[in-house]
Amino acid sequence: MFWTGPRTRESLKSGELPCMLSLDMKRGLPAAILLFFACAQKPYGPAPEVGIPVFLTGGPPGGIASLGELRGQVVVLEFWATWCKPCIQTIPHMNKLVDRYQDKPVRFISVTSEKEAEVRPFLLEHPIKSWVALDPEHRLAYAFRVRGIPRVAVIDPYGQIVHLTDPRFMTPSDIEDGLRAKPPPPPAAKT
């Protein structure tokens, strides 16, 4: 079985697993690939309105009370840790993306649940160009239902999640999708 993760507004709220794939070898890999993309429904829904209290590098002093304070920008929210080898391997790739979008309304934030004493020495050896945020109580990871790292969420300027992926597979087109996003339709009027 292969889980594609929560993909709809309802599944994000309820925690349901909306799409499980069984890799039936009789149908072969092409069928599995088609099923995977068929299950990759969008939109993911609105980003949770959670704050970031502490930035180790970059970011406003005193943190931000809500991701809503970054409206008008694409937010690339990466979850990582110093002990995670795949996370360390993605640093050069993510740094290149930060450089590429430095003159665009794109904000990169790398979130770790580790303590400052663990992260500061690591950053001396492995510089990260995005804002580095500390989330010791796992509030962001919990709100975004992060079950493993590395993980990245791309949030459009209107607060909608446009991509949830592994940063090793993130491409500029993922960020461009956020930059091209249109405002979501207004909520339907209640009768």
Foldseek 3Di string as FASTA:
>chain_A
DDQLAQADPVCLVVVDRPADDDQDPVVHDVVRVVSSVVPNHDDSWFQDFAWFQDWPDDADPRTGRGCLVLAPAKEKEWEDDLVDPLRLVLQVVQQVVCVVCVVPRYAYEYEYLDDPVRVVVSCVVRPHPGTYTHDVVCPNCVRRVPPDDGWIWIAASQRTTHDIDHSVPDDVVSNVCRVPDDHDDDDDDDD
